[in-house]
Amino acid sequence: MADIPELTSLDQATPQELTEIIAELEKYRERLVNDTLSMAQRAKIMKAQALAHLEPNLAQIDSTLQALRERQVAKTNGN
C-alpha cells in the first residue's frame, strides 16, 4: 500500500484524491488475494484454508474501502 498517497488527513482529501486512494486499495486487495491463492496452490494448501487466514486482512481492507467511499460521497455532495 506504499503507492497510496500520504495525506495529512483524509478530511482534506479532494473527491479525486479519494477516488485514486480507493482505486489503489482495490488493486492492493485484488493482488493480495491473487498472490495468496497462487502461493497456496503451489504449497498445496486448500483454497478455503488460505482464504480463512486472509479473511481478517480482507475484512479490514473492505471496512477501510467502505469508509473511504462514504467519505467520497459526502464530499461529492458538499458535506
Protein backbone atom coordinates (compact mmCIF):
# COMPACT_ATOMS: atom_id res chain seq x y z
CA MET A 1 0.00 0.00 0.00
CA ALA A 2 3.01 2.26 -0.26
CA ASP A 3 1.66 3.55 -3.58
CA ILE A 4 -1.25 5.29 -1.86
CA PRO A 5 -0.53 8.99 -1.47
CA GLU A 6 0.12 10.12 2.06
CA LEU A 7 -2.29 12.76 3.23
CA THR A 8 -2.13 14.78 6.42
CA SER A 9 -5.79 13.99 6.90
CA LEU A 10 -8.36 12.27 4.78
CA ASP A 11 -10.68 15.12 5.69
CA GLN A 12 -8.50 17.31 3.47
CA ALA A 13 -8.63 14.91 0.53
CA THR A 14 -10.48 16.00 -2.56
CA PRO A 15 -13.05 13.66 -4.16
CA GLN A 16 -10.48 12.98 -6.92
CA GLU A 17 -7.80 12.05 -4.38
CA LEU A 18 -10.27 9.76 -2.63
CA THR A 19 -11.07 8.11 -5.97
CA GLU A 20 -7.36 7.46 -6.52
CA ILE A 21 -6.89 6.09 -3.00
CA ILE A 22 -9.90 3.79 -3.37
CA ALA A 23 -8.63 2.50 -6.74
CA GLU A 24 -5.17 1.76 -5.31
CA LEU A 25 -6.63 -0.01 -2.29
CA GLU A 26 -8.90 -2.10 -4.53
CA LYS A 27 -5.86 -3.08 -6.65
CA TYR A 28 -3.93 -3.98 -3.50
CA ARG A 29 -6.81 -6.15 -2.24
CA GLU A 30 -7.07 -7.97 -5.56
CA ARG A 31 -3.31 -8.52 -5.74
CA LEU A 32 -3.24 -9.80 -2.14
CA VAL A 33 -5.97 -12.37 -2.86
CA ASN A 34 -4.42 -13.46 -6.16
CA ASP A 35 -0.90 -13.78 -4.74
CA THR A 36 -2.14 -15.65 -1.67
CA LEU A 37 -4.15 -18.12 -3.75
CA SER A 38 -1.24 -18.61 -6.14
CA MET A 39 1.15 -19.36 -3.28
CA ALA A 40 -1.41 -21.65 -1.62
CA GLN A 41 -1.79 -23.62 -4.83
CA ARG A 42 1.98 -24.06 -5.12
CA ALA A 43 2.19 -25.09 -1.47
CA LYS A 44 -0.76 -27.46 -1.97
CA ILE A 45 -2.83 -25.67 0.66
CA MET A 46 -6.59 -25.73 0.25
CA LYS A 47 -8.09 -22.51 -1.13
CA ALA A 48 -10.56 -22.29 1.76
CA GLN A 49 -7.75 -22.58 4.30
CA ALA A 50 -5.69 -19.87 2.60
CA LEU A 51 -8.68 -17.53 2.41
CA ALA A 52 -9.53 -18.20 6.06
CA HIS A 53 -6.09 -16.93 7.06
CA LEU A 54 -6.50 -13.94 4.78
CA GLU A 55 -10.03 -13.04 5.92
CA PRO A 56 -9.09 -10.68 8.80
CA ASN A 57 -6.94 -8.62 6.43
CA LEU A 58 -9.66 -8.59 3.78
CA ALA A 59 -12.24 -7.51 6.33
CA GLN A 60 -10.04 -4.60 7.38
CA ILE A 61 -9.45 -3.56 3.77
CA ASP A 62 -13.18 -3.82 2.99
CA SER A 63 -14.01 -1.73 6.04
CA THR A 64 -11.50 0.92 5.01
CA LEU A 65 -12.85 0.93 1.45
CA GLN A 66 -16.40 1.40 2.73
CA ALA A 67 -15.33 4.32 4.94
CA LEU A 68 -13.46 5.93 2.03
CA ARG A 69 -16.47 5.53 -0.28
CA GLU A 70 -18.77 7.09 2.31
CA ARG A 71 -16.37 9.99 2.75
CA GLN A 72 -16.16 10.41 -1.02
CA VAL A 73 -19.96 10.55 -1.32
CA ALA A 74 -20.14 13.11 1.49
CA LYS A 75 -17.51 15.31 -0.17
CA THR A 76 -19.15 14.98 -3.57
CA ASN A 77 -22.47 16.03 -2.07
CA GLY A 78 -20.79 19.04 -0.48
CA ASN A 79 -20.80 17.98 3.16
